[in-house]
Amino acid sequence: MRRRFVIEAVLVATYGHLLVPSRPIDYVVPYSSIAELYEMRDGADPLMDDPDDDGHVKNKINELIAFFEDSLNRKKIEKAMQVPWRESSPLLLNDLIQFTVVHAVDNAHYGEMFDPIETELLLTGLKLKLPLLSDQFEFQDKLIEAEVPVQIYDIEDFEFAVEEGISSSELDLPHESDRF
């Protein structure tokens, strides 16, 4: 069974160990984070401090863009984009990794505290009952501060999340309806 995680597309390009998991993985990606790849590729600002690392990451971003633009993958994505919250059919990268693109829709519920991409990530995690993967400590802190009932793993804990993880039955997460 594949482990599923909600993640920004750029993190898959940035962190190489995400491309060599020990078990099958399904990266669930809000469509807006795929659109963000183009901005990062074409932007003048470096993504990494080291010029060699920056070139490598931009090359990986180009590979990821080419993967999503593949005609079969593009058709699957376009079909998902027709209805809010629809998930694409699996986009197979290799035997261990697949992507699912979600037509996530931002709403005002968390919009004041989180930026649009963060909001779509957390709403996708809530709606699909999936954990998030992130490298942004500020985002993780804001999730805790806002008491958002979603599970999140730091990128550095990826292997733990894949191998063991914490099942939702082990967590005593409040339900969204408990907040009102």
N, C-alpha and C. Protein backbone atom coordinates (compact mmCIF):
# COMPACT_ATOMS: atom_id res chain seq x y z
N MET A 1 0.84 -1.18 0.00
CA MET A 1 0.00 0.00 0.00
C MET A 1 0.89 1.25 0.00
N ARG A 2 0.52 2.20 -0.82
CA ARG A 2 1.30 3.43 -0.92
C ARG A 2 1.01 4.35 0.27
N ARG A 3 2.07 4.96 0.76
CA ARG A 3 1.91 6.02 1.75
C ARG A 3 1.62 7.30 0.99
N ARG A 4 0.67 8.06 1.46
CA ARG A 4 0.27 9.30 0.78
C ARG A 4 0.62 10.50 1.65
N PHE A 5 1.16 11.53 0.98
CA PHE A 5 1.52 12.77 1.66
C PHE A 5 1.13 13.94 0.79
N VAL A 6 0.62 14.99 1.41
CA VAL A 6 0.36 16.25 0.72
C VAL A 6 1.67 17.04 0.76
N ILE A 7 2.08 17.57 -0.40
CA ILE A 7 3.38 18.23 -0.49
C ILE A 7 3.36 19.26 -1.60
N GLU A 8 4.21 20.28 -1.48
CA GLU A 8 4.42 21.23 -2.57
C GLU A 8 5.31 20.56 -3.61
N ALA A 9 5.01 20.75 -4.87
CA ALA A 9 5.78 20.11 -5.94
C ALA A 9 7.26 20.47 -5.87
N VAL A 10 7.58 21.71 -5.54
CA VAL A 10 8.98 22.14 -5.54
C VAL A 10 9.82 21.36 -4.52
N LEU A 11 9.23 20.88 -3.46
CA LEU A 11 10.00 20.14 -2.47
C LEU A 11 10.52 18.83 -3.03
N VAL A 12 9.77 18.22 -3.93
CA VAL A 12 10.22 16.98 -4.55
C VAL A 12 11.46 17.24 -5.40
N ALA A 13 11.51 18.40 -6.04
CA ALA A 13 12.69 18.77 -6.84
C ALA A 13 13.86 19.19 -5.96
N THR A 14 13.57 19.75 -4.81
CA THR A 14 14.61 20.30 -3.94
C THR A 14 15.29 19.23 -3.09
N TYR A 15 14.53 18.27 -2.61
CA TYR A 15 15.05 17.26 -1.70
C TYR A 15 15.14 15.92 -2.42
N GLY A 16 16.34 15.57 -2.84
CA GLY A 16 16.56 14.36 -3.63
C GLY A 16 16.12 13.08 -2.95
N HIS A 17 16.21 13.01 -1.62
CA HIS A 17 15.84 11.77 -0.94
C HIS A 17 14.34 11.46 -1.07
N LEU A 18 13.55 12.44 -1.44
CA LEU A 18 12.12 12.17 -1.66
C LEU A 18 11.89 11.35 -2.92
N LEU A 19 12.89 11.30 -3.80
CA LEU A 19 12.77 10.54 -5.04
C LEU A 19 13.28 9.11 -4.91
N VAL A 20 13.79 8.74 -3.75
CA VAL A 20 14.27 7.37 -3.52
C VAL A 20 13.69 6.82 -2.21
N PRO A 21 12.37 6.74 -2.13
CA PRO A 21 11.75 6.25 -0.89
C PRO A 21 11.96 4.75 -0.73
N SER A 22 11.82 4.28 0.50
CA SER A 22 11.97 2.86 0.78
C SER A 22 10.68 2.08 0.52
N ARG A 23 9.58 2.79 0.37
CA ARG A 23 8.28 2.16 0.09
C ARG A 23 7.55 2.98 -0.96
N PRO A 24 6.52 2.40 -1.57
CA PRO A 24 5.75 3.17 -2.56
C PRO A 24 5.09 4.40 -1.94
N ILE A 25 5.15 5.51 -2.68
CA ILE A 25 4.67 6.80 -2.20
C ILE A 25 3.73 7.42 -3.23
N ASP A 26 2.71 8.10 -2.72
CA ASP A 26 1.84 8.93 -3.56
C ASP A 26 1.95 10.35 -3.02
N TYR A 27 2.57 11.22 -3.82
CA TYR A 27 2.65 12.63 -3.45
C TYR A 27 1.40 13.33 -3.97
N VAL A 28 0.61 13.86 -3.06
CA VAL A 28 -0.62 14.56 -3.41
C VAL A 28 -0.27 16.05 -3.47
N VAL A 29 -0.45 16.63 -4.66
CA VAL A 29 0.04 17.98 -4.93
C VAL A 29 -1.12 18.88 -5.37
N PRO A 30 -1.38 19.96 -4.63
CA PRO A 30 -2.36 20.94 -5.14
C PRO A 30 -1.85 21.53 -6.46
N TYR A 31 -2.74 21.72 -7.40
CA TYR A 31 -2.34 22.19 -8.72
C TYR A 31 -1.58 23.51 -8.66
N SER A 32 -1.96 24.39 -7.76
CA SER A 32 -1.29 25.69 -7.68
C SER A 32 0.20 25.56 -7.39
N SER A 33 0.61 24.48 -6.72
CA SER A 33 2.03 24.32 -6.45
C SER A 33 2.78 23.85 -7.69
N ILE A 34 2.07 23.25 -8.65
CA ILE A 34 2.70 22.92 -9.94
C ILE A 34 2.90 24.22 -10.72
N ALA A 35 1.90 25.08 -10.71
CA ALA A 35 2.02 26.38 -11.39
C ALA A 35 3.18 27.18 -10.80
N GLU A 36 3.43 27.02 -9.52
CA GLU A 36 4.52 27.72 -8.85
C GLU A 36 5.89 27.28 -9.38
N LEU A 37 5.98 26.05 -9.90
CA LEU A 37 7.25 25.57 -10.46
C LEU A 37 7.74 26.46 -11.59
N TYR A 38 6.81 26.92 -12.42
CA TYR A 38 7.18 27.78 -13.55
C TYR A 38 7.76 29.10 -13.06
N GLU A 39 7.15 29.66 -12.02
CA GLU A 39 7.64 30.92 -11.45
C GLU A 39 9.05 30.74 -10.89
N MET A 40 9.29 29.62 -10.23
CA MET A 40 10.60 29.37 -9.65
C MET A 40 11.65 29.14 -10.73
N ARG A 41 11.27 28.42 -11.76
CA ARG A 41 12.20 28.16 -12.85
C ARG A 41 12.58 29.45 -13.57
N ASP A 42 11.60 30.30 -13.82
CA ASP A 42 11.82 31.50 -14.63
C ASP A 42 12.25 32.71 -13.81
N GLY A 43 12.18 32.62 -12.50
CA GLY A 43 12.53 33.76 -11.65
C GLY A 43 14.02 34.05 -11.65
N ALA A 44 14.35 35.30 -11.40
CA ALA A 44 15.75 35.72 -11.38
C ALA A 44 16.43 35.37 -10.05
N ASP A 45 15.66 35.23 -9.00
CA ASP A 45 16.23 34.95 -7.68
C ASP A 45 16.71 33.50 -7.60
N PRO A 46 17.88 33.28 -6.99
CA PRO A 46 18.35 31.90 -6.82
C PRO A 46 17.47 31.17 -5.80
N LEU A 47 17.32 29.87 -6.00
CA LEU A 47 16.54 29.05 -5.09
C LEU A 47 17.40 28.51 -3.95
N MET A 48 18.69 28.35 -4.25
CA MET A 48 19.64 27.82 -3.28
C MET A 48 20.81 28.79 -3.16
N ASP A 49 21.48 28.78 -2.01
CA ASP A 49 22.61 29.67 -1.79
C ASP A 49 23.81 29.31 -2.67
N ASP A 50 24.08 28.02 -2.79
CA ASP A 50 25.21 27.56 -3.58
C ASP A 50 24.82 27.53 -5.06
N PRO A 51 25.61 28.15 -5.94
CA PRO A 51 25.27 28.19 -7.37
C PRO A 51 25.14 26.81 -8.01
N ASP A 52 25.98 25.85 -7.60
CA ASP A 52 25.88 24.49 -8.15
C ASP A 52 24.57 23.83 -7.72
N ASP A 53 24.23 23.99 -6.43
CA ASP A 53 22.96 23.44 -5.93
C ASP A 53 21.78 24.10 -6.63
N ASP A 54 21.88 25.41 -6.84
CA ASP A 54 20.80 26.15 -7.51
C ASP A 54 20.59 25.61 -8.92
N GLY A 55 21.67 25.39 -9.64
CA GLY A 55 21.56 24.84 -11.00
C GLY A 55 20.96 23.46 -10.99
N HIS A 56 21.36 22.64 -10.01
CA HIS A 56 20.82 21.27 -9.91
C HIS A 56 19.32 21.30 -9.63
N VAL A 57 18.91 22.13 -8.68
CA VAL A 57 17.48 22.21 -8.33
C VAL A 57 16.67 22.73 -9.51
N LYS A 58 17.17 23.74 -10.20
CA LYS A 58 16.44 24.25 -11.37
C LYS A 58 16.34 23.20 -12.47
N ASN A 59 17.38 22.36 -12.61
CA ASN A 59 17.32 21.25 -13.56
C ASN A 59 16.23 20.25 -13.15
N LYS A 60 16.16 19.93 -11.86
CA LYS A 60 15.13 19.01 -11.35
C LYS A 60 13.73 19.61 -11.53
N ILE A 61 13.61 20.92 -11.35
CA ILE A 61 12.33 21.59 -11.58
C ILE A 61 11.93 21.44 -13.04
N ASN A 62 12.88 21.62 -13.95
CA ASN A 62 12.60 21.44 -15.38
C ASN A 62 12.14 20.01 -15.67
N GLU A 63 12.79 19.02 -15.05
CA GLU A 63 12.39 17.63 -15.23
C GLU A 63 10.97 17.40 -14.72
N LEU A 64 10.66 17.98 -13.57
CA LEU A 64 9.32 17.82 -13.00
C LEU A 64 8.27 18.50 -13.87
N ILE A 65 8.58 19.68 -14.39
CA ILE A 65 7.66 20.36 -15.30
C ILE A 65 7.43 19.51 -16.54
N ALA A 66 8.49 18.95 -17.10
CA ALA A 66 8.35 18.09 -18.28
C ALA A 66 7.49 16.87 -17.96
N PHE A 67 7.64 16.32 -16.76
CA PHE A 67 6.82 15.18 -16.34
C PHE A 67 5.34 15.56 -16.31
N PHE A 68 5.03 16.70 -15.69
CA PHE A 68 3.63 17.13 -15.60
C PHE A 68 3.07 17.54 -16.96
N GLU A 69 3.94 17.99 -17.88
CA GLU A 69 3.49 18.40 -19.21
C GLU A 69 3.38 17.24 -20.19
N ASP A 70 3.85 16.07 -19.81
CA ASP A 70 3.70 14.89 -20.67
C ASP A 70 2.23 14.78 -21.06
N SER A 71 1.97 14.43 -22.32
CA SER A 71 0.59 14.50 -22.83
C SER A 71 -0.40 13.69 -21.99
N LEU A 72 -0.04 12.47 -21.59
CA LEU A 72 -0.96 11.66 -20.79
C LEU A 72 -1.18 12.30 -19.42
N ASN A 73 -0.11 12.74 -18.79
CA ASN A 73 -0.23 13.38 -17.48
C ASN A 73 -1.03 14.67 -17.57
N ARG A 74 -0.78 15.45 -18.61
CA ARG A 74 -1.50 16.71 -18.78
C ARG A 74 -3.00 16.45 -18.92
N LYS A 75 -3.39 15.41 -19.65
CA LYS A 75 -4.81 15.08 -19.80
C LYS A 75 -5.43 14.71 -18.45
N LYS A 76 -4.70 13.95 -17.66
CA LYS A 76 -5.21 13.57 -16.33
C LYS A 76 -5.39 14.80 -15.44
N ILE A 77 -4.42 15.71 -15.52
CA ILE A 77 -4.50 16.94 -14.72
C ILE A 77 -5.66 17.81 -15.18
N GLU A 78 -5.81 17.97 -16.49
CA GLU A 78 -6.90 18.80 -17.03
C GLU A 78 -8.26 18.26 -16.63
N LYS A 79 -8.40 16.94 -16.60
CA LYS A 79 -9.67 16.34 -16.18
C LYS A 79 -9.96 16.66 -14.71
N ALA A 80 -8.94 16.60 -13.87
CA ALA A 80 -9.12 16.91 -12.45
C ALA A 80 -9.48 18.37 -12.23
N MET A 81 -8.99 19.23 -13.10
CA MET A 81 -9.21 20.67 -12.93
C MET A 81 -10.64 21.11 -13.28
N GLN A 82 -11.46 20.21 -13.76
CA GLN A 82 -12.82 20.56 -14.14
C GLN A 82 -13.76 20.70 -12.95
N VAL A 83 -13.41 20.08 -11.83
CA VAL A 83 -14.29 20.09 -10.66
C VAL A 83 -13.46 20.36 -9.41
N PRO A 84 -13.90 21.29 -8.56
CA PRO A 84 -13.16 21.54 -7.32
C PRO A 84 -13.01 20.27 -6.48
N TRP A 85 -11.84 20.10 -5.95
CA TRP A 85 -11.45 19.00 -5.07
C TRP A 85 -11.37 17.65 -5.77
N ARG A 86 -11.42 17.64 -7.07
CA ARG A 86 -11.23 16.38 -7.78
C ARG A 86 -9.75 16.01 -7.77
N GLU A 87 -9.49 14.72 -7.60
CA GLU A 87 -8.12 14.20 -7.66
C GLU A 87 -7.89 13.64 -9.06
N SER A 88 -6.69 13.86 -9.58
CA SER A 88 -6.34 13.28 -10.87
C SER A 88 -6.15 11.77 -10.71
N SER A 89 -6.19 11.08 -11.82
CA SER A 89 -5.74 9.69 -11.82
C SER A 89 -4.26 9.72 -11.50
N PRO A 90 -3.70 8.62 -11.00
CA PRO A 90 -2.28 8.62 -10.65
C PRO A 90 -1.37 8.94 -11.84
N LEU A 91 -0.37 9.77 -11.58
CA LEU A 91 0.67 10.09 -12.56
C LEU A 91 1.90 9.32 -12.11
N LEU A 92 2.25 8.28 -12.84
CA LEU A 92 3.33 7.39 -12.41
C LEU A 92 4.69 7.91 -12.83
N LEU A 93 5.55 8.17 -11.85
CA LEU A 93 6.92 8.59 -12.13
C LEU A 93 7.81 7.36 -12.30
N ASN A 94 7.65 6.38 -11.41
CA ASN A 94 8.37 5.11 -11.48
C ASN A 94 7.61 4.09 -10.63
N ASP A 95 8.24 2.95 -10.35
CA ASP A 95 7.56 1.91 -9.58
C ASP A 95 7.21 2.33 -8.16
N LEU A 96 7.99 3.24 -7.60
CA LEU A 96 7.78 3.63 -6.20
C LEU A 96 7.06 4.95 -6.01
N ILE A 97 7.08 5.80 -7.03
CA ILE A 97 6.53 7.15 -6.85
C ILE A 97 5.43 7.45 -7.85
N GLN A 98 4.33 7.94 -7.32
CA GLN A 98 3.27 8.47 -8.17
C GLN A 98 2.83 9.80 -7.58
N PHE A 99 2.25 10.62 -8.44
CA PHE A 99 1.71 11.90 -8.03
C PHE A 99 0.21 11.88 -8.26
N THR A 100 -0.52 12.54 -7.39
CA THR A 100 -1.93 12.81 -7.58
C THR A 100 -2.09 14.32 -7.48
N VAL A 101 -2.64 14.92 -8.52
CA VAL A 101 -2.84 16.36 -8.53
C VAL A 101 -4.27 16.64 -8.10
N VAL A 102 -4.43 17.60 -7.20
CA VAL A 102 -5.75 17.95 -6.65
C VAL A 102 -6.10 19.37 -7.06
N HIS A 103 -7.34 19.54 -7.50
CA HIS A 103 -7.84 20.89 -7.78
C HIS A 103 -8.33 21.48 -6.46
N ALA A 104 -7.37 21.87 -5.64
CA ALA A 104 -7.68 22.43 -4.32
C ALA A 104 -8.26 23.83 -4.48
N VAL A 105 -9.19 24.15 -3.60
CA VAL A 105 -9.84 25.46 -3.66
C VAL A 105 -9.65 26.14 -2.31
N ASP A 106 -9.03 27.30 -2.35
CA ASP A 106 -8.80 28.11 -1.16
C ASP A 106 -10.14 28.61 -0.63
N ASN A 107 -10.24 28.73 0.68
CA ASN A 107 -11.43 29.38 1.24
C ASN A 107 -10.98 30.35 2.33
N ALA A 108 -11.86 31.13 2.81
CA ALA A 108 -11.51 32.20 3.75
C ALA A 108 -11.26 31.69 5.17
N HIS A 109 -11.57 30.43 5.43
CA HIS A 109 -11.48 29.91 6.79
C HIS A 109 -10.08 30.09 7.39
N TYR A 110 -9.04 29.77 6.63
CA TYR A 110 -7.67 29.90 7.13
C TYR A 110 -6.88 30.98 6.39
N GLY A 111 -7.53 31.70 5.50
CA GLY A 111 -6.85 32.62 4.61
C GLY A 111 -6.10 33.76 5.26
N GLU A 112 -6.51 34.19 6.45
CA GLU A 112 -5.83 35.32 7.08
C GLU A 112 -4.49 34.94 7.67
N MET A 113 -4.36 33.73 8.15
CA MET A 113 -3.14 33.31 8.83
C MET A 113 -2.13 32.65 7.89
N PHE A 114 -2.61 32.09 6.79
CA PHE A 114 -1.75 31.33 5.89
C PHE A 114 -1.79 31.93 4.49
N ASP A 115 -0.67 31.78 3.76
CA ASP A 115 -0.67 32.25 2.37
C ASP A 115 -1.49 31.27 1.52
N PRO A 116 -1.82 31.62 0.27
CA PRO A 116 -2.70 30.76 -0.54
C PRO A 116 -2.19 29.33 -0.73
N ILE A 117 -0.90 29.14 -0.96
CA ILE A 117 -0.37 27.78 -1.14
C ILE A 117 -0.48 27.00 0.16
N GLU A 118 -0.10 27.62 1.28
CA GLU A 118 -0.21 26.96 2.58
C GLU A 118 -1.66 26.57 2.86
N THR A 119 -2.58 27.47 2.54
CA THR A 119 -4.00 27.20 2.77
C THR A 119 -4.45 25.99 1.96
N GLU A 120 -4.05 25.94 0.70
CA GLU A 120 -4.43 24.79 -0.14
C GLU A 120 -3.80 23.50 0.37
N LEU A 121 -2.57 23.56 0.84
CA LEU A 121 -1.92 22.37 1.39
C LEU A 121 -2.68 21.86 2.61
N LEU A 122 -2.97 22.76 3.55
CA LEU A 122 -3.64 22.31 4.77
C LEU A 122 -5.07 21.86 4.50
N LEU A 123 -5.77 22.55 3.61
CA LEU A 123 -7.14 22.13 3.28
C LEU A 123 -7.14 20.78 2.57
N THR A 124 -6.15 20.53 1.72
CA THR A 124 -6.04 19.23 1.05
C THR A 124 -5.79 18.14 2.08
N GLY A 125 -4.88 18.41 3.02
CA GLY A 125 -4.63 17.44 4.09
C GLY A 125 -5.87 17.16 4.91
N LEU A 126 -6.61 18.22 5.26
CA LEU A 126 -7.85 18.04 6.03
C LEU A 126 -8.90 17.27 5.25
N LYS A 127 -9.12 17.69 4.01
CA LYS A 127 -10.19 17.09 3.21
C LYS A 127 -9.93 15.62 2.91
N LEU A 128 -8.66 15.29 2.59
CA LEU A 128 -8.33 13.92 2.21
C LEU A 128 -7.82 13.10 3.39
N LYS A 129 -7.73 13.74 4.56
CA LYS A 129 -7.25 13.08 5.78
C LYS A 129 -5.85 12.48 5.57
N LEU A 130 -4.96 13.34 5.05
CA LEU A 130 -3.59 12.93 4.75
C LEU A 130 -2.60 13.82 5.50
N PRO A 131 -1.45 13.27 5.88
CA PRO A 131 -0.41 14.10 6.50
C PRO A 131 0.29 14.98 5.46
N LEU A 132 0.85 16.07 5.94
CA LEU A 132 1.61 16.99 5.10
C LEU A 132 3.10 16.75 5.31
N LEU A 133 3.88 17.04 4.27
CA LEU A 133 5.34 17.09 4.35
C LEU A 133 5.75 18.53 4.08
N SER A 134 6.61 19.09 4.92
CA SER A 134 7.03 20.47 4.73
C SER A 134 8.44 20.69 5.25
N ASP A 135 9.11 21.68 4.70
CA ASP A 135 10.43 22.08 5.20
C ASP A 135 10.36 23.45 5.86
N GLN A 136 9.18 23.98 6.01
CA GLN A 136 9.01 25.35 6.51
C GLN A 136 8.58 25.33 7.98
N PHE A 137 9.53 25.66 8.85
CA PHE A 137 9.24 25.67 10.29
C PHE A 137 8.15 26.67 10.63
N GLU A 138 8.14 27.82 9.95
CA GLU A 138 7.13 28.83 10.24
C GLU A 138 5.73 28.29 9.94
N PHE A 139 5.59 27.57 8.84
CA PHE A 139 4.31 26.97 8.47
C PHE A 139 3.90 25.95 9.53
N GLN A 140 4.84 25.12 9.95
CA GLN A 140 4.54 24.12 10.98
C GLN A 140 4.10 24.80 12.28
N ASP A 141 4.81 25.86 12.65
CA ASP A 141 4.44 26.60 13.87
C ASP A 141 3.06 27.23 13.75
N LYS A 142 2.75 27.80 12.58
CA LYS A 142 1.43 28.42 12.39
C LYS A 142 0.32 27.37 12.46
N LEU A 143 0.57 26.16 11.94
CA LEU A 143 -0.43 25.09 12.02
C LEU A 143 -0.73 24.75 13.48
N ILE A 144 0.32 24.68 14.28
CA ILE A 144 0.14 24.37 15.70
C ILE A 144 -0.57 25.52 16.41
N GLU A 145 -0.13 26.74 16.14
CA GLU A 145 -0.73 27.91 16.77
C GLU A 145 -2.21 28.04 16.43
N ALA A 146 -2.56 27.77 15.18
CA ALA A 146 -3.96 27.88 14.74
C ALA A 146 -4.78 26.64 15.11
N GLU A 147 -4.12 25.64 15.70
CA GLU A 147 -4.78 24.39 16.09
C GLU A 147 -5.48 23.73 14.91
N VAL A 148 -4.81 23.73 13.77
CA VAL A 148 -5.36 23.08 12.58
C VAL A 148 -5.21 21.57 12.79
N PRO A 149 -6.30 20.83 12.73
CA PRO A 149 -6.24 19.39 13.01
C PRO A 149 -5.72 18.57 11.82
N VAL A 150 -4.46 18.81 11.48
CA VAL A 150 -3.83 18.09 10.38
C VAL A 150 -2.45 17.63 10.85
N GLN A 151 -2.07 16.46 10.41
CA GLN A 151 -0.77 15.90 10.77
C GLN A 151 0.29 16.44 9.81
N ILE A 152 1.47 16.79 10.34
CA ILE A 152 2.54 17.31 9.49
C ILE A 152 3.86 16.69 9.92
N TYR A 153 4.67 16.35 8.91
CA TYR A 153 6.02 15.85 9.13
C TYR A 153 7.00 16.83 8.53
N ASP A 154 8.10 17.03 9.22
CA ASP A 154 9.19 17.80 8.65
C ASP A 154 9.89 16.93 7.60
N ILE A 155 10.40 17.55 6.56
CA ILE A 155 11.10 16.82 5.50
C ILE A 155 12.21 15.94 6.07
N GLU A 156 12.87 16.41 7.12
CA GLU A 156 13.97 15.63 7.72
C GLU A 156 13.46 14.33 8.35
N ASP A 157 12.18 14.24 8.64
CA ASP A 157 11.59 13.04 9.22
C ASP A 157 10.89 12.17 8.17
N PHE A 158 11.25 12.37 6.91
CA PHE A 158 10.58 11.67 5.82
C PHE A 158 10.66 10.15 5.97
N GLU A 159 11.84 9.61 6.27
CA GLU A 159 11.97 8.15 6.39
C GLU A 159 11.09 7.60 7.51
N PHE A 160 11.05 8.30 8.64
CA PHE A 160 10.17 7.88 9.73
C PHE A 160 8.72 7.89 9.25
N ALA A 161 8.33 8.95 8.57
CA ALA A 161 6.95 9.07 8.09
C ALA A 161 6.60 7.93 7.15
N VAL A 162 7.56 7.54 6.31
CA VAL A 162 7.32 6.47 5.34
C VAL A 162 7.29 5.11 6.03
N GLU A 163 8.27 4.86 6.88
CA GLU A 163 8.41 3.54 7.49
C GLU A 163 7.43 3.29 8.62
N GLU A 164 7.28 4.25 9.51
CA GLU A 164 6.46 4.04 10.69
C GLU A 164 5.27 4.97 10.71
N GLY A 165 5.56 6.25 10.67
CA GLY A 165 4.48 7.23 10.72
C GLY A 165 3.69 7.13 12.00
N ILE A 166 2.70 7.95 12.07
CA ILE A 166 1.78 7.94 13.20
C ILE A 166 0.39 7.86 12.60
N SER A 167 -0.31 6.78 12.90
CA SER A 167 -1.64 6.63 12.32
C SER A 167 -2.60 7.61 12.97
N SER A 168 -3.63 7.96 12.25
CA SER A 168 -4.61 8.91 12.79
C SER A 168 -5.31 8.33 14.01
N SER A 169 -5.37 7.00 14.12
CA SER A 169 -5.99 6.41 15.30
C SER A 169 -5.11 6.59 16.54
N GLU A 170 -3.79 6.78 16.33
CA GLU A 170 -2.88 7.02 17.46
C GLU A 170 -2.93 8.47 17.92
N LEU A 171 -3.42 9.33 17.07
CA LEU A 171 -3.54 10.74 17.41
C LEU A 171 -4.91 11.01 17.98
N ASP A 172 -4.97 11.94 18.88
CA ASP A 172 -6.27 12.36 19.39
C ASP A 172 -6.54 13.75 18.84
N LEU A 173 -6.69 13.81 17.51
CA LEU A 173 -6.93 15.09 16.86
C LEU A 173 -8.38 15.51 17.06
N PRO A 174 -8.58 16.78 17.36
CA PRO A 174 -9.96 17.26 17.43
C PRO A 174 -10.54 17.29 16.02
N HIS A 175 -11.81 17.14 15.94
CA HIS A 175 -12.49 17.25 14.65
C HIS A 175 -12.72 18.71 14.33
N GLU A 176 -12.75 19.04 13.05
CA GLU A 176 -12.96 20.42 12.62
C GLU A 176 -14.25 20.98 13.23
N SER A 177 -15.26 20.14 13.37
CA SER A 177 -16.54 20.60 13.92
C SER A 177 -16.43 20.95 15.42
N ASP A 178 -15.38 20.44 16.10
CA ASP A 178 -15.20 20.75 17.51
C ASP A 178 -14.80 22.19 17.75
N ARG A 179 -14.35 22.88 16.71
CA ARG A 179 -13.86 24.25 16.87
C ARG A 179 -14.99 25.26 16.93
N PHE A 180 -16.19 24.87 16.62
CA PHE A 180 -17.28 25.84 16.52
C PHE A 180 -18.36 25.60 17.54
